[in-house]
PDB file of all heavy atoms in Angstrom:
ATOM      1  N   ALA A   1     -13.769  -8.582  -0.680  1.00  0.00           N
ATOM      2  CA  ALA A   1     -13.954  -9.827   0.061  1.00  0.00           C
ATOM      3  C   ALA A   1     -14.049  -9.528   1.557  1.00  0.00           C
ATOM      4  O   ALA A   1     -13.600  -8.475   2.015  1.00  0.00           O
ATOM      5  CB  ALA A   1     -12.787 -10.767  -0.227  1.00  0.00           C
ATOM      6  N   PRO A   2     -14.641 -10.428   2.315  1.00  0.00           N
ATOM      7  CA  PRO A   2     -14.682 -10.241   3.768  1.00  0.00           C
ATOM      8  C   PRO A   2     -13.265 -10.026   4.314  1.00  0.00           C
ATOM      9  O   PRO A   2     -12.301 -10.596   3.818  1.00  0.00           O
ATOM     10  CB  PRO A   2     -15.270 -11.555   4.274  1.00  0.00           C
ATOM     11  CG  PRO A   2     -16.073 -12.072   3.119  1.00  0.00           C
ATOM     12  CD  PRO A   2     -15.310 -11.653   1.883  1.00  0.00           C
ATOM     13  N   GLY A   3     -13.164  -9.178   5.322  1.00  0.00           N
ATOM     14  CA  GLY A   3     -11.868  -8.866   5.903  1.00  0.00           C
ATOM     15  C   GLY A   3     -11.163  -7.718   5.213  1.00  0.00           C
ATOM     16  O   GLY A   3      -9.980  -7.499   5.432  1.00  0.00           O
ATOM     17  N   TYR A   4     -11.886  -6.965   4.383  1.00  0.00           N
ATOM     18  CA  TYR A   4     -11.323  -5.823   3.668  1.00  0.00           C
ATOM     19  C   TYR A   4     -10.557  -4.923   4.631  1.00  0.00           C
ATOM     20  O   TYR A   4     -11.001  -4.664   5.742  1.00  0.00           O
ATOM     21  CB  TYR A   4     -12.464  -5.048   3.001  1.00  0.00           C
ATOM     22  CG  TYR A   4     -12.140  -3.612   2.697  1.00  0.00           C
ATOM     23  CD1 TYR A   4     -11.394  -3.273   1.585  1.00  0.00           C
ATOM     24  CD2 TYR A   4     -12.580  -2.590   3.532  1.00  0.00           C
ATOM     25  CE1 TYR A   4     -11.092  -1.953   1.298  1.00  0.00           C
ATOM     26  CE2 TYR A   4     -12.290  -1.271   3.252  1.00  0.00           C
ATOM     27  CZ  TYR A   4     -11.544  -0.960   2.142  1.00  0.00           C
ATOM     28  OH  TYR A   4     -11.245   0.342   1.870  1.00  0.00           O
ATOM     29  N   ASN A   5      -9.396  -4.450   4.200  1.00  0.00           N
ATOM     30  CA  ASN A   5      -8.573  -3.567   5.012  1.00  0.00           C
ATOM     31  C   ASN A   5      -8.078  -2.435   4.112  1.00  0.00           C
ATOM     32  O   ASN A   5      -7.294  -2.668   3.189  1.00  0.00           O
ATOM     33  CB  ASN A   5      -7.397  -4.355   5.595  1.00  0.00           C
ATOM     34  CG  ASN A   5      -6.523  -3.522   6.494  1.00  0.00           C
ATOM     35  OD1 ASN A   5      -6.488  -2.294   6.412  1.00  0.00           O
ATOM     36  ND2 ASN A   5      -5.802  -4.186   7.368  1.00  0.00           N
ATOM     37  N   ALA A   6      -8.520  -1.217   4.393  1.00  0.00           N
ATOM     38  CA  ALA A   6      -8.142  -0.070   3.564  1.00  0.00           C
ATOM     39  C   ALA A   6      -6.641   0.167   3.555  1.00  0.00           C
ATOM     40  O   ALA A   6      -6.099   0.671   2.574  1.00  0.00           O
ATOM     41  CB  ALA A   6      -8.863   1.186   4.042  1.00  0.00           C
ATOM     42  N   ASP A   7      -5.948  -0.211   4.604  1.00  0.00           N
ATOM     43  CA  ASP A   7      -4.497  -0.006   4.645  1.00  0.00           C
ATOM     44  C   ASP A   7      -3.779  -0.804   3.565  1.00  0.00           C
ATOM     45  O   ASP A   7      -2.702  -0.431   3.128  1.00  0.00           O
ATOM     46  CB  ASP A   7      -3.935  -0.383   6.017  1.00  0.00           C
ATOM     47  CG  ASP A   7      -4.366   0.592   7.099  1.00  0.00           C
ATOM     48  OD1 ASP A   7      -4.529   1.792   6.784  1.00  0.00           O
ATOM     49  OD2 ASP A   7      -4.555   0.160   8.246  1.00  0.00           O
ATOM     50  N   LEU A   8      -4.368  -1.920   3.131  1.00  0.00           N
ATOM     51  CA  LEU A   8      -3.724  -2.758   2.124  1.00  0.00           C
ATOM     52  C   LEU A   8      -3.940  -2.262   0.693  1.00  0.00           C
ATOM     53  O   LEU A   8      -3.223  -2.653  -0.216  1.00  0.00           O
ATOM     54  CB  LEU A   8      -4.236  -4.196   2.230  1.00  0.00           C
ATOM     55  CG  LEU A   8      -4.001  -4.905   3.560  1.00  0.00           C
ATOM     56  CD1 LEU A   8      -4.640  -6.287   3.542  1.00  0.00           C
ATOM     57  CD2 LEU A   8      -2.523  -4.987   3.872  1.00  0.00           C
ATOM     58  N   VAL A   9      -4.925  -1.419   0.492  1.00  0.00           N
ATOM     59  CA  VAL A   9      -5.294  -0.975  -0.853  1.00  0.00           C
ATOM     60  C   VAL A   9      -4.146  -0.254  -1.549  1.00  0.00           C
ATOM     61  O   VAL A   9      -3.921  -0.444  -2.739  1.00  0.00           O
ATOM     62  CB  VAL A   9      -6.546  -0.076  -0.808  1.00  0.00           C
ATOM     63  CG1 VAL A   9      -6.839   0.534  -2.164  1.00  0.00           C
ATOM     64  CG2 VAL A   9      -7.739  -0.875  -0.324  1.00  0.00           C
ATOM     65  N   CYS A  10      -3.400   0.537  -0.825  1.00  0.00           N
ATOM     66  CA  CYS A  10      -2.349   1.350  -1.420  1.00  0.00           C
ATOM     67  C   CYS A  10      -1.008   0.626  -1.479  1.00  0.00           C
ATOM     68  O   CYS A  10      -0.057   1.138  -2.067  1.00  0.00           O
ATOM     69  CB  CYS A  10      -2.188   2.644  -0.638  1.00  0.00           C
ATOM     70  SG  CYS A  10      -3.714   3.605  -0.567  1.00  0.00           S
ATOM     71  N   GLY A  11      -0.918  -0.551  -0.896  1.00  0.00           N
ATOM     72  CA  GLY A  11       0.331  -1.297  -0.873  1.00  0.00           C
ATOM     73  C   GLY A  11       0.504  -2.204  -2.068  1.00  0.00           C
ATOM     74  O   GLY A  11      -0.252  -2.165  -3.041  1.00  0.00           O
ATOM     75  N   ALA A  12       1.498  -3.052  -1.969  1.00  0.00           N
ATOM     76  CA  ALA A  12       1.841  -3.949  -3.081  1.00  0.00           C
ATOM     77  C   ALA A  12       0.883  -5.129  -3.203  1.00  0.00           C
ATOM     78  O   ALA A  12       0.763  -5.716  -4.262  1.00  0.00           O
ATOM     79  CB  ALA A  12       3.266  -4.464  -2.899  1.00  0.00           C
ATOM     80  N   THR A  13       0.197  -5.487  -2.126  1.00  0.00           N
ATOM     81  CA  THR A  13      -0.720  -6.627  -2.153  1.00  0.00           C
ATOM     82  C   THR A  13      -2.122  -6.145  -1.797  1.00  0.00           C
ATOM     83  O   THR A  13      -2.512  -6.145  -0.627  1.00  0.00           O
ATOM     84  CB  THR A  13      -0.275  -7.714  -1.147  1.00  0.00           C
ATOM     85  OG1 THR A  13       1.094  -8.009  -1.381  1.00  0.00           O
ATOM     86  CG2 THR A  13      -1.111  -8.962  -1.306  1.00  0.00           C
ATOM     87  N   PRO A  14      -2.888  -5.717  -2.787  1.00  0.00           N
ATOM     88  CA  PRO A  14      -4.224  -5.191  -2.498  1.00  0.00           C
ATOM     89  C   PRO A  14      -5.173  -6.295  -2.039  1.00  0.00           C
ATOM     90  O   PRO A  14      -4.934  -7.477  -2.286  1.00  0.00           O
ATOM     91  CB  PRO A  14      -4.674  -4.602  -3.829  1.00  0.00           C
ATOM     92  CG  PRO A  14      -3.882  -5.312  -4.856  1.00  0.00           C
ATOM     93  CD  PRO A  14      -2.579  -5.685  -4.208  1.00  0.00           C
ATOM     94  N   PRO A  15      -6.253  -5.904  -1.355  1.00  0.00           N
ATOM     95  CA  PRO A  15      -7.222  -6.893  -0.887  1.00  0.00           C
ATOM     96  C   PRO A  15      -7.932  -7.588  -2.052  1.00  0.00           C
ATOM     97  O   PRO A  15      -7.984  -7.069  -3.159  1.00  0.00           O
ATOM     98  CB  PRO A  15      -8.203  -6.082  -0.054  1.00  0.00           C
ATOM     99  CG  PRO A  15      -7.954  -4.670  -0.373  1.00  0.00           C
ATOM    100  CD  PRO A  15      -6.604  -4.558  -0.989  1.00  0.00           C
ATOM    101  N   LYS A  16      -8.463  -8.733  -1.786  1.00  0.00           N
ATOM    102  CA  LYS A  16      -9.189  -9.525  -2.782  1.00  0.00           C
ATOM    103  C   LYS A  16     -10.615  -8.996  -2.933  1.00  0.00           C
ATOM    104  O   LYS A  16     -11.161  -8.357  -2.044  1.00  0.00           O
ATOM    105  CB  LYS A  16      -9.257 -10.991  -2.354  1.00  0.00           C
ATOM    106  CG  LYS A  16      -7.902 -11.621  -2.116  1.00  0.00           C
ATOM    107  CD  LYS A  16      -7.330 -12.109  -3.408  1.00  0.00           C
ATOM    108  CE  LYS A  16      -6.045 -12.866  -3.137  1.00  0.00           C
ATOM    109  NZ  LYS A  16      -4.977 -12.521  -4.010  1.00  0.00           N
ATOM    110  N   THR A  17     -11.172  -9.294  -4.081  1.00  0.00           N
ATOM    111  CA  THR A  17     -12.585  -9.006  -4.312  1.00  0.00           C
ATOM    112  C   THR A  17     -13.279 -10.337  -4.558  1.00  0.00           C
ATOM    113  O   THR A  17     -12.632 -11.357  -4.787  1.00  0.00           O
ATOM    114  CB  THR A  17     -12.789  -8.083  -5.530  1.00  0.00           C
ATOM    115  OG1 THR A  17     -12.252  -8.722  -6.688  1.00  0.00           O
ATOM    116  CG2 THR A  17     -12.106  -6.742  -5.312  1.00  0.00           C
ATOM    117  N   HIS A  18     -14.588 -10.328  -4.453  1.00  0.00           N
ATOM    118  CA  HIS A  18     -15.337 -11.541  -4.772  1.00  0.00           C
ATOM    119  C   HIS A  18     -16.601 -11.151  -5.516  1.00  0.00           C
ATOM    120  O   HIS A  18     -17.244 -10.158  -5.196  1.00  0.00           O
ATOM    121  CB  HIS A  18     -15.650 -12.350  -3.514  1.00  0.00           C
ATOM    122  CG  HIS A  18     -16.699 -11.740  -2.620  1.00  0.00           C
ATOM    123  ND1 HIS A  18     -16.475 -10.629  -1.839  1.00  0.00           N
ATOM    124  CD2 HIS A  18     -17.975 -12.095  -2.409  1.00  0.00           C
ATOM    125  CE1 HIS A  18     -17.586 -10.338  -1.180  1.00  0.00           C
ATOM    126  NE2 HIS A  18     -18.506 -11.201  -1.502  1.00  0.00           N
ATOM    127  N   VAL A  19     -16.896 -11.889  -6.548  1.00  0.00           N
ATOM    128  CA  VAL A  19     -18.067 -11.610  -7.367  1.00  0.00           C
ATOM    129  C   VAL A  19     -19.232 -12.405  -6.802  1.00  0.00           C
ATOM    130  O   VAL A  19     -19.156 -13.626  -6.671  1.00  0.00           O
ATOM    131  CB  VAL A  19     -17.818 -11.995  -8.843  1.00  0.00           C
ATOM    132  CG1 VAL A  19     -19.061 -11.753  -9.663  1.00  0.00           C
ATOM    133  CG2 VAL A  19     -16.644 -11.219  -9.388  1.00  0.00           C
ATOM    134  N   THR A  20     -20.285 -11.694  -6.440  1.00  0.00           N
ATOM    135  CA  THR A  20     -21.456 -12.382  -5.914  1.00  0.00           C
ATOM    136  C   THR A  20     -22.621 -12.313  -6.891  1.00  0.00           C
ATOM    137  O   THR A  20     -23.414 -13.228  -6.959  1.00  0.00           O
ATOM    138  CB  THR A  20     -21.910 -11.762  -4.579  1.00  0.00           C
ATOM    139  OG1 THR A  20     -22.304 -10.407  -4.810  1.00  0.00           O
ATOM    140  CG2 THR A  20     -20.801 -11.814  -3.543  1.00  0.00           C
ATOM    141  N   GLY A  21     -22.721 -11.216  -7.623  1.00  0.00           N
ATOM    142  CA  GLY A  21     -23.844 -11.033  -8.528  1.00  0.00           C
ATOM    143  C   GLY A  21     -25.139 -10.770  -7.784  1.00  0.00           C
ATOM    144  O   GLY A  21     -26.197 -10.668  -8.370  1.00  0.00           O
ATOM    145  N   GLU A  22     -25.028 -10.660  -6.472  1.00  0.00           N
ATOM    146  CA  GLU A  22     -26.209 -10.420  -5.648  1.00  0.00           C
ATOM    147  C   GLU A  22     -26.296  -8.945  -5.307  1.00  0.00           C
ATOM    148  O   GLU A  22     -25.347  -8.194  -5.447  1.00  0.00           O
ATOM    149  CB  GLU A  22     -26.124 -11.251  -4.365  1.00  0.00           C
ATOM    150  CG  GLU A  22     -26.068 -12.741  -4.622  1.00  0.00           C
ATOM    151  CD  GLU A  22     -25.811 -13.536  -3.359  1.00  0.00           C
ATOM    152  OE1 GLU A  22     -25.806 -12.954  -2.259  1.00  0.00           O
ATOM    153  OE2 GLU A  22     -25.611 -14.748  -3.474  1.00  0.00           O
ATOM    154  N   SER A  23     -27.466  -8.566  -4.839  1.00  0.00           N
ATOM    155  CA  SER A  23     -27.658  -7.189  -4.428  1.00  0.00           C
ATOM    156  C   SER A  23     -27.385  -7.090  -2.941  1.00  0.00           C
ATOM    157  O   SER A  23     -27.625  -8.050  -2.225  1.00  0.00           O
ATOM    158  CB  SER A  23     -29.097  -6.784  -4.717  1.00  0.00           C
ATOM    159  OG  SER A  23     -29.191  -5.437  -4.972  1.00  0.00           O
ATOM    160  N   PRO A  24     -26.872  -6.054  -2.412  1.00  0.00           N
ATOM    161  CA  PRO A  24     -26.425  -4.842  -3.078  1.00  0.00           C
ATOM    162  C   PRO A  24     -24.988  -4.969  -3.568  1.00  0.00           C
ATOM    163  O   PRO A  24     -24.283  -5.903  -3.198  1.00  0.00           O
ATOM    164  CB  PRO A  24     -26.512  -3.806  -1.962  1.00  0.00           C
ATOM    165  CG  PRO A  24     -26.175  -4.570  -0.727  1.00  0.00           C
ATOM    166  CD  PRO A  24     -26.791  -5.940  -0.937  1.00  0.00           C
ATOM    167  N   ILE A  25     -24.576  -4.006  -4.382  1.00  0.00           N
ATOM    168  CA  ILE A  25     -23.175  -3.912  -4.762  1.00  0.00           C
ATOM    169  C   ILE A  25     -22.499  -3.069  -3.677  1.00  0.00           C
ATOM    170  O   ILE A  25     -23.039  -2.065  -3.228  1.00  0.00           O
ATOM    171  CB  ILE A  25     -22.995  -3.278  -6.164  1.00  0.00           C
ATOM    172  CG1 ILE A  25     -21.534  -3.332  -6.592  1.00  0.00           C
ATOM    173  CG2 ILE A  25     -23.550  -1.883  -6.225  1.00  0.00           C
ATOM    174  CD1 ILE A  25     -21.294  -2.932  -8.052  1.00  0.00           C
ATOM    175  N   ASN A  26     -21.362  -3.529  -3.206  1.00  0.00           N
ATOM    176  CA  ASN A  26     -20.582  -2.792  -2.214  1.00  0.00           C
ATOM    177  C   ASN A  26     -19.338  -2.245  -2.904  1.00  0.00           C
ATOM    178  O   ASN A  26     -18.690  -2.958  -3.662  1.00  0.00           O
ATOM    179  CB  ASN A  26     -20.182  -3.698  -1.056  1.00  0.00           C
ATOM    180  CG  ASN A  26     -21.340  -3.932  -0.131  1.00  0.00           C
ATOM    181  OD1 ASN A  26     -21.747  -3.016   0.570  1.00  0.00           O
ATOM    182  ND2 ASN A  26     -21.875  -5.132  -0.140  1.00  0.00           N
ATOM    183  N   ILE A  27     -19.037  -0.991  -2.605  1.00  0.00           N
ATOM    184  CA  ILE A  27     -17.924  -0.315  -3.255  1.00  0.00           C
ATOM    185  C   ILE A  27     -17.089   0.391  -2.199  1.00  0.00           C
ATOM    186  O   ILE A  27     -17.634   0.990  -1.270  1.00  0.00           O
ATOM    187  CB  ILE A  27     -18.429   0.725  -4.286  1.00  0.00           C
ATOM    188  CG1 ILE A  27     -19.413   0.105  -5.258  1.00  0.00           C
ATOM    189  CG2 ILE A  27     -17.255   1.361  -5.019  1.00  0.00           C
ATOM    190  CD1 ILE A  27     -20.156   1.123  -6.108  1.00  0.00           C
ATOM    191  N   ARG A  28     -15.796   0.334  -2.370  1.00  0.00           N
ATOM    192  CA  ARG A  28     -14.879   1.114  -1.545  1.00  0.00           C
ATOM    193  C   ARG A  28     -14.041   1.969  -2.486  1.00  0.00           C
ATOM    194  O   ARG A  28     -13.604   1.497  -3.538  1.00  0.00           O
ATOM    195  CB  ARG A  28     -13.929   0.240  -0.734  1.00  0.00           C
ATOM    196  CG  ARG A  28     -14.588  -0.798   0.134  1.00  0.00           C
ATOM    197  CD  ARG A  28     -15.369  -0.176   1.277  1.00  0.00           C
ATOM    198  NE  ARG A  28     -15.766  -1.154   2.268  1.00  0.00           N
ATOM    199  CZ  ARG A  28     -16.811  -1.965   2.176  1.00  0.00           C
ATOM    200  NH1 ARG A  28     -17.547  -1.939   1.084  1.00  0.00           N
ATOM    201  NH2 ARG A  28     -17.120  -2.794   3.138  1.00  0.00           N
ATOM    202  N   ALA A  29     -13.806   3.202  -2.108  1.00  0.00           N
ATOM    203  CA  ALA A  29     -12.905   4.095  -2.840  1.00  0.00           C
ATOM    204  C   ALA A  29     -11.857   4.566  -1.852  1.00  0.00           C
ATOM    205  O   ALA A  29     -12.199   5.036  -0.756  1.00  0.00           O
ATOM    206  CB  ALA A  29     -13.656   5.286  -3.421  1.00  0.00           C
ATOM    207  N   VAL A  30     -10.600   4.420  -2.213  1.00  0.00           N
ATOM    208  CA  VAL A  30      -9.502   4.816  -1.326  1.00  0.00           C
ATOM    209  C   VAL A  30      -8.564   5.740  -2.109  1.00  0.00           C
ATOM    210  O   VAL A  30      -8.078   5.381  -3.180  1.00  0.00           O
ATOM    211  CB  VAL A  30      -8.728   3.581  -0.809  1.00  0.00           C
ATOM    212  CG1 VAL A  30      -7.606   4.013   0.125  1.00  0.00           C
ATOM    213  CG2 VAL A  30      -9.671   2.606  -0.101  1.00  0.00           C
ATOM    214  N   PHE A  31      -8.336   6.919  -1.568  1.00  0.00           N
ATOM    215  CA  PHE A  31      -7.399   7.870  -2.158  1.00  0.00           C
ATOM    216  C   PHE A  31      -6.033   7.579  -1.549  1.00  0.00           C
ATOM    217  O   PHE A  31      -5.831   7.716  -0.344  1.00  0.00           O
ATOM    218  CB  PHE A  31      -7.849   9.299  -1.871  1.00  0.00           C
ATOM    219  CG  PHE A  31      -7.054  10.373  -2.553  1.00  0.00           C
ATOM    220  CD1 PHE A  31      -6.401  10.159  -3.759  1.00  0.00           C
ATOM    221  CD2 PHE A  31      -6.978  11.637  -1.993  1.00  0.00           C
ATOM    222  CE1 PHE A  31      -5.680  11.162  -4.389  1.00  0.00           C
ATOM    223  CE2 PHE A  31      -6.267  12.652  -2.608  1.00  0.00           C
ATOM    224  CZ  PHE A  31      -5.619  12.410  -3.807  1.00  0.00           C
ATOM    225  N   CYS A  32      -5.112   7.149  -2.388  1.00  0.00           N
ATOM    226  CA  CYS A  32      -3.771   6.767  -1.949  1.00  0.00           C
ATOM    227  C   CYS A  32      -2.784   7.865  -2.292  1.00  0.00           C
ATOM    228  O   CYS A  32      -2.850   8.457  -3.365  1.00  0.00           O
ATOM    229  CB  CYS A  32      -3.314   5.490  -2.665  1.00  0.00           C
ATOM    230  SG  CYS A  32      -4.364   4.057  -2.386  1.00  0.00           S
ATOM    231  N   ASN A  33      -1.849   8.091  -1.395  1.00  0.00           N
ATOM    232  CA  ASN A  33      -0.748   9.002  -1.652  1.00  0.00           C
ATOM    233  C   ASN A  33       0.479   8.447  -0.939  1.00  0.00           C
ATOM    234  O   ASN A  33       0.438   8.194   0.269  1.00  0.00           O
ATOM    235  CB  ASN A  33      -1.063  10.412  -1.149  1.00  0.00           C
ATOM    236  CG  ASN A  33      -0.059  11.424  -1.631  1.00  0.00           C
ATOM    237  OD1 ASN A  33       0.539  11.280  -2.690  1.00  0.00           O
ATOM    238  ND2 ASN A  33       0.139  12.470  -0.851  1.00  0.00           N
ATOM    239  N   ARG A  34       1.539   8.203  -1.706  1.00  0.00           N
ATOM    240  CA  ARG A  34       2.787   7.650  -1.172  1.00  0.00           C
ATOM    241  C   ARG A  34       2.556   6.326  -0.455  1.00  0.00           C
ATOM    242  O   ARG A  34       3.027   6.114   0.643  1.00  0.00           O
ATOM    243  CB  ARG A  34       3.475   8.652  -0.260  1.00  0.00           C
ATOM    244  CG  ARG A  34       3.869   9.916  -0.975  1.00  0.00           C
ATOM    245  CD  ARG A  34       4.753  10.788  -0.109  1.00  0.00           C
ATOM    246  NE  ARG A  34       5.123  11.969  -0.841  1.00  0.00           N
ATOM    247  CZ  ARG A  34       4.732  13.189  -0.516  1.00  0.00           C
ATOM    248  NH1 ARG A  34       3.982  13.391   0.533  1.00  0.00           N
ATOM    249  NH2 ARG A  34       5.116  14.206  -1.245  1.00  0.00           N
ATOM    250  N   LYS A  35       1.800   5.452  -1.084  1.00  0.00           N
ATOM    251  CA  LYS A  35       1.528   4.089  -0.610  1.00  0.00           C
ATOM    252  C   LYS A  35       0.755   4.039   0.707  1.00  0.00           C
ATOM    253  O   LYS A  35       0.737   3.026   1.379  1.00  0.00           O
ATOM    254  CB  LYS A  35       2.819   3.280  -0.484  1.00  0.00           C
ATOM    255  CG  LYS A  35       3.539   3.106  -1.797  1.00  0.00           C
ATOM    256  CD  LYS A  35       4.738   2.229  -1.648  1.00  0.00           C
ATOM    257  CE  LYS A  35       5.440   2.106  -2.986  1.00  0.00           C
ATOM    258  NZ  LYS A  35       6.605   1.251  -2.919  1.00  0.00           N
ATOM    259  N   ARG A  36       0.080   5.156   1.036  1.00  0.00           N
ATOM    260  CA  ARG A  36      -0.731   5.187   2.253  1.00  0.00           C
ATOM    261  C   ARG A  36      -2.115   5.723   1.914  1.00  0.00           C
ATOM    262  O   ARG A  36      -2.249   6.648   1.112  1.00  0.00           O
ATOM    263  CB  ARG A  36      -0.080   6.092   3.287  1.00  0.00           C
ATOM    264  CG  ARG A  36       1.295   5.601   3.720  1.00  0.00           C
ATOM    265  CD  ARG A  36       1.895   6.438   4.826  1.00  0.00           C
ATOM    266  NE  ARG A  36       1.013   6.472   5.971  1.00  0.00           N
ATOM    267  CZ  ARG A  36       0.748   7.572   6.657  1.00  0.00           C
ATOM    268  NH1 ARG A  36       1.272   8.724   6.315  1.00  0.00           N
ATOM    269  NH2 ARG A  36      -0.062   7.539   7.694  1.00  0.00           N
ATOM    270  N   PRO A  37      -3.153   5.181   2.545  1.00  0.00           N
ATOM    271  CA  PRO A  37      -4.490   5.741   2.333  1.00  0.00           C
ATOM    272  C   PRO A  37      -4.626   7.062   3.073  1.00  0.00           C
ATOM    273  O   PRO A  37      -4.217   7.167   4.230  1.00  0.00           O
ATOM    274  CB  PRO A  37      -5.414   4.670   2.927  1.00  0.00           C
ATOM    275  CG  PRO A  37      -4.590   3.955   3.939  1.00  0.00           C
ATOM    276  CD  PRO A  37      -3.170   4.031   3.450  1.00  0.00           C
ATOM    277  N   ILE A  38      -5.168   8.067   2.389  1.00  0.00           N
ATOM    278  CA  ILE A  38      -5.415   9.335   3.075  1.00  0.00           C
ATOM    279  C   ILE A  38      -6.906   9.609   3.247  1.00  0.00           C
ATOM    280  O   ILE A  38      -7.278  10.427   4.056  1.00  0.00           O
ATOM    281  CB  ILE A  38      -4.702  10.517   2.388  1.00  0.00           C
ATOM    282  CG1 ILE A  38      -5.156  10.687   0.950  1.00  0.00           C
ATOM    283  CG2 ILE A  38      -3.205  10.374   2.472  1.00  0.00           C
ATOM    284  CD1 ILE A  38      -4.677  11.974   0.331  1.00  0.00           C
ATOM    285  N   ALA A  39      -7.730   8.870   2.492  1.00  0.00           N
ATOM    286  CA  ALA A  39      -9.182   8.967   2.672  1.00  0.00           C
ATOM    287  C   ALA A  39      -9.811   7.700   2.109  1.00  0.00           C
ATOM    288  O   ALA A  39      -9.323   7.138   1.124  1.00  0.00           O
ATOM    289  CB  ALA A  39      -9.749  10.193   1.964  1.00  0.00           C
ATOM    290  N   ALA A  40     -10.882   7.259   2.747  1.00  0.00           N
ATOM    291  CA  ALA A  40     -11.600   6.073   2.278  1.00  0.00           C
ATOM    292  C   ALA A  40     -13.100   6.302   2.405  1.00  0.00           C
ATOM    293  O   ALA A  40     -13.568   6.954   3.350  1.00  0.00           O
ATOM    294  CB  ALA A  40     -11.184   4.832   3.071  1.00  0.00           C
ATOM    295  N   VAL A  41     -13.835   5.770   1.440  1.00  0.00           N
ATOM    296  CA  VAL A  41     -15.290   5.920   1.378  1.00  0.00           C
ATOM    297  C   VAL A  41     -15.908   4.548   1.141  1.00  0.00           C
ATOM    298  O   VAL A  41     -15.356   3.734   0.399  1.00  0.00           O
ATOM    299  CB  VAL A  41     -15.691   6.884   0.225  1.00  0.00           C
ATOM    300  CG1 VAL A  41     -17.193   7.012   0.115  1.00  0.00           C
ATOM    301  CG2 VAL A  41     -15.042   8.235   0.416  1.00  0.00           C
ATOM    302  N   HIS A  42     -17.051   4.313   1.749  1.00  0.00           N
ATOM    303  CA  HIS A  42     -17.817   3.078   1.566  1.00  0.00           C
ATOM    304  C   HIS A  42     -19.158   3.446   0.939  1.00  0.00           C
ATOM    305  O   HIS A  42     -19.843   4.344   1.419  1.00  0.00           O
ATOM    306  CB  HIS A  42     -18.036   2.404   2.920  1.00  0.00           C
ATOM    307  CG  HIS A  42     -18.974   1.260   2.881  1.00  0.00           C
ATOM    308  ND1 HIS A  42     -19.812   0.959   3.914  1.00  0.00           N
ATOM    309  CD2 HIS A  42     -19.220   0.336   1.928  1.00  0.00           C
ATOM    310  CE1 HIS A  42     -20.524  -0.114   3.610  1.00  0.00           C
ATOM    311  NE2 HIS A  42     -20.188  -0.501   2.406  1.00  0.00           N
ATOM    312  N   GLY A  43     -19.509   2.771  -0.144  1.00  0.00           N
ATOM    313  CA  GLY A  43     -20.791   3.026  -0.794  1.00  0.00           C
ATOM    314  C   GLY A  43     -21.496   1.739  -1.142  1.00  0.00           C
ATOM    315  O   GLY A  43     -20.876   0.680  -1.231  1.00  0.00           O
ATOM    316  N   TRP A  44     -22.793   1.815  -1.353  1.00  0.00           N
ATOM    317  CA  TRP A  44     -23.580   0.648  -1.718  1.00  0.00           C
ATOM    318  C   TRP A  44     -24.874   1.089  -2.386  1.00  0.00           C
ATOM    319  O   TRP A  44     -25.313   2.219  -2.257  1.00  0.00           O
ATOM    320  CB  TRP A  44     -23.895  -0.213  -0.495  1.00  0.00           C
ATOM    321  CG  TRP A  44     -24.808   0.459   0.478  1.00  0.00           C
ATOM    322  CD1 TRP A  44     -26.169   0.356   0.547  1.00  0.00           C
ATOM    323  CD2 TRP A  44     -24.434   1.387   1.495  1.00  0.00           C
ATOM    324  NE1 TRP A  44     -26.651   1.160   1.555  1.00  0.00           N
ATOM    325  CE2 TRP A  44     -25.610   1.795   2.152  1.00  0.00           C
ATOM    326  CE3 TRP A  44     -23.216   1.918   1.918  1.00  0.00           C
ATOM    327  CZ2 TRP A  44     -25.593   2.707   3.204  1.00  0.00           C
ATOM    328  CZ3 TRP A  44     -23.211   2.818   2.970  1.00  0.00           C
ATOM    329  CH2 TRP A  44     -24.384   3.193   3.590  1.00  0.00           C
ATOM    330  N   MET A  45     -25.433   0.180  -3.131  1.00  0.00           N
ATOM    331  CA  MET A  45     -26.739   0.398  -3.745  1.00  0.00           C
ATOM    332  C   MET A  45     -27.254  -0.932  -4.278  1.00  0.00           C
ATOM    333  O   MET A  45     -26.493  -1.910  -4.353  1.00  0.00           O
ATOM    334  CB  MET A  45     -26.653   1.419  -4.880  1.00  0.00           C
ATOM    335  CG  MET A  45     -25.862   0.965  -6.101  1.00  0.00           C
ATOM    336  SD  MET A  45     -25.867   2.168  -7.451  1.00  0.00           S
ATOM    337  CE  MET A  45     -27.499   1.908  -8.140  1.00  0.00           C
TER     338      MET A  45
END
């Protein structure tokens, strides 16, 4: 969802997603270790 924050991904309250069904698809991958992000990637197609 708009306002995505990678810092929240590894915590207890992850960010929201929203289904659009429209192009492109947006993807985030976050590698978490000990409740903290250590790497994040943004992809789309």
